[in-house]
Amino acid sequence: MIRIQDEDAGAAQLVMARVDRAIAALTAQPGIGTLTARPGVRRFAIPATGHAIEYRLVSGEIRILRWSRQRQR
């Protein structure tokens, strides 16, 4: 986010708003992410950002394990 902020503050705010909405969606429906090869870990692409998170549920809470930039084609 710091890199995005350095390049374009408006874009950084937009990405963070989309991330916040994605986290809210995961909180409401934690099973919407795609299962990965790692047991209990799911992956969710954050819409319109090019980013994805890997997460798992721990005692009813979402734990984000990894936040990555998706590959461009």
C-alpha atoms as a PDB file:
ATOM      1  CA  MET A   1       0.000   0.000   0.000  1.00  0.00           C
ATOM      2  CA  ILE A   2       2.876   2.362   0.670  1.00  0.00           C
ATOM      3  CA  ARG A   3       4.050   2.036  -2.937  1.00  0.00           C
ATOM      4  CA  ILE A   4       0.555   2.780  -4.225  1.00  0.00           C
ATOM      5  CA  GLN A   5       0.256   5.694  -1.791  1.00  0.00           C
ATOM      6  CA  ASP A   6       3.579   7.111  -3.005  1.00  0.00           C
ATOM      7  CA  GLU A   7       2.462   6.907  -6.633  1.00  0.00           C
ATOM      8  CA  ASP A   8      -1.192   7.948  -6.291  1.00  0.00           C
ATOM      9  CA  ALA A   9      -2.909   8.773  -3.000  1.00  0.00           C
ATOM     10  CA  GLY A  10      -6.369   8.559  -4.573  1.00  0.00           C
ATOM     11  CA  ALA A  11      -5.702   5.101  -5.951  1.00  0.00           C
ATOM     12  CA  ALA A  12      -4.442   3.962  -2.549  1.00  0.00           C
ATOM     13  CA  GLN A  13      -7.673   5.124  -0.909  1.00  0.00           C
ATOM     14  CA  LEU A  14      -9.703   3.308  -3.559  1.00  0.00           C
ATOM     15  CA  VAL A  15      -7.747   0.072  -3.073  1.00  0.00           C
ATOM     16  CA  MET A  16      -8.146   0.282   0.716  1.00  0.00           C
ATOM     17  CA  ALA A  17     -11.903   0.827   0.359  1.00  0.00           C
ATOM     18  CA  ARG A  18     -12.094  -2.283  -1.845  1.00  0.00           C
ATOM     19  CA  VAL A  19     -10.003  -4.250   0.642  1.00  0.00           C
ATOM     20  CA  ASP A  20     -12.315  -3.143   3.465  1.00  0.00           C
ATOM     21  CA  ARG A  21     -15.359  -4.323   1.471  1.00  0.00           C
ATOM     22  CA  ALA A  22     -13.665  -7.649   0.736  1.00  0.00           C
ATOM     23  CA  ILE A  23     -12.876  -8.183   4.424  1.00  0.00           C
ATOM     24  CA  ALA A  24     -16.490  -7.363   5.301  1.00  0.00           C
ATOM     25  CA  ALA A  25     -17.680  -9.935   2.740  1.00  0.00           C
ATOM     26  CA  LEU A  26     -15.312 -12.559   4.163  1.00  0.00           C
ATOM     27  CA  THR A  27     -16.486 -11.798   7.675  1.00  0.00           C
ATOM     28  CA  ALA A  28     -20.105 -12.315   6.613  1.00  0.00           C
ATOM     29  CA  GLN A  29     -19.357 -15.442   4.546  1.00  0.00           C
ATOM     30  CA  PRO A  30     -15.953 -16.895   5.429  1.00  0.00           C
ATOM     31  CA  GLY A  31     -16.399 -19.851   3.083  1.00  0.00           C
ATOM     32  CA  ILE A  32     -16.491 -17.788  -0.120  1.00  0.00           C
ATOM     33  CA  GLY A  33     -12.749 -18.065  -0.716  1.00  0.00           C
ATOM     34  CA  THR A  34     -11.315 -20.852  -2.847  1.00  0.00           C
ATOM     35  CA  LEU A  35      -9.694 -23.738  -0.994  1.00  0.00           C
ATOM     36  CA  THR A  36      -5.933 -24.029  -1.482  1.00  0.00           C
ATOM     37  CA  ALA A  37      -3.654 -27.059  -1.256  1.00  0.00           C
ATOM     38  CA  ARG A  38      -2.874 -26.121   2.357  1.00  0.00           C
ATOM     39  CA  PRO A  39      -5.451 -27.536   4.793  1.00  0.00           C
ATOM     40  CA  GLY A  40      -7.832 -24.906   6.134  1.00  0.00           C
ATOM     41  CA  VAL A  41      -6.415 -22.102   3.976  1.00  0.00           C
ATOM     42  CA  ARG A  42      -8.576 -20.240   1.473  1.00  0.00           C
ATOM     43  CA  ARG A  43      -7.726 -17.692  -1.214  1.00  0.00           C
ATOM     44  CA  PHE A  44      -9.852 -14.694  -2.123  1.00  0.00           C
ATOM     45  CA  ALA A  45      -9.220 -12.287  -5.004  1.00  0.00           C
ATOM     46  CA  ILE A  46     -10.037  -8.729  -3.973  1.00  0.00           C
ATOM     47  CA  PRO A  47     -12.231  -7.388  -6.791  1.00  0.00           C
ATOM     48  CA  ALA A  48     -10.826  -4.671  -9.073  1.00  0.00           C
ATOM     49  CA  THR A  49      -7.470  -4.448  -7.272  1.00  0.00           C
ATOM     50  CA  GLY A  50      -5.232  -7.151  -8.718  1.00  0.00           C
ATOM     51  CA  HIS A  51      -4.578  -8.382  -5.169  1.00  0.00           C
ATOM     52  CA  ALA A  52      -5.494 -11.603  -3.398  1.00  0.00           C
ATOM     53  CA  ILE A  53      -5.360 -12.738   0.193  1.00  0.00           C
ATOM     54  CA  GLU A  54      -4.908 -16.154   1.719  1.00  0.00           C
ATOM     55  CA  TYR A  55      -6.678 -16.640   5.017  1.00  0.00           C
ATOM     56  CA  ARG A  56      -7.937 -19.183   7.487  1.00  0.00           C
ATOM     57  CA  LEU A  57     -10.541 -19.214  10.220  1.00  0.00           C
ATOM     58  CA  VAL A  58      -9.130 -19.446  13.729  1.00  0.00           C
ATOM     59  CA  SER A  59     -11.634 -19.542  16.598  1.00  0.00           C
ATOM     60  CA  GLY A  60     -14.228 -17.831  14.416  1.00  0.00           C
ATOM     61  CA  GLU A  61     -11.853 -15.044  13.337  1.00  0.00           C
ATOM     62  CA  ILE A  62     -10.357 -14.501   9.900  1.00  0.00           C
ATOM     63  CA  ARG A  63      -6.558 -14.568   9.988  1.00  0.00           C
ATOM     64  CA  ILE A  64      -4.911 -13.154   6.881  1.00  0.00           C
ATOM     65  CA  LEU A  65      -1.822 -15.217   6.169  1.00  0.00           C
ATOM     66  CA  ARG A  66      -0.672 -13.620   2.942  1.00  0.00           C
ATOM     67  CA  TRP A  67      -1.530 -10.624   0.770  1.00  0.00           C
ATOM     68  CA  SER A  68      -0.134 -10.762  -2.743  1.00  0.00           C
ATOM     69  CA  ARG A  69      -0.307  -9.100  -6.111  1.00  0.00           C
ATOM     70  CA  GLN A  70      -1.900 -11.340  -8.721  1.00  0.00           C
ATOM     71  CA  ARG A  71       0.045 -12.148 -11.851  1.00  0.00           C
ATOM     72  CA  GLN A  72      -0.639 -10.071 -14.901  1.00  0.00           C
ATOM     73  CA  ARG A  73      -1.175 -11.806 -18.234  1.00  0.00           C
END
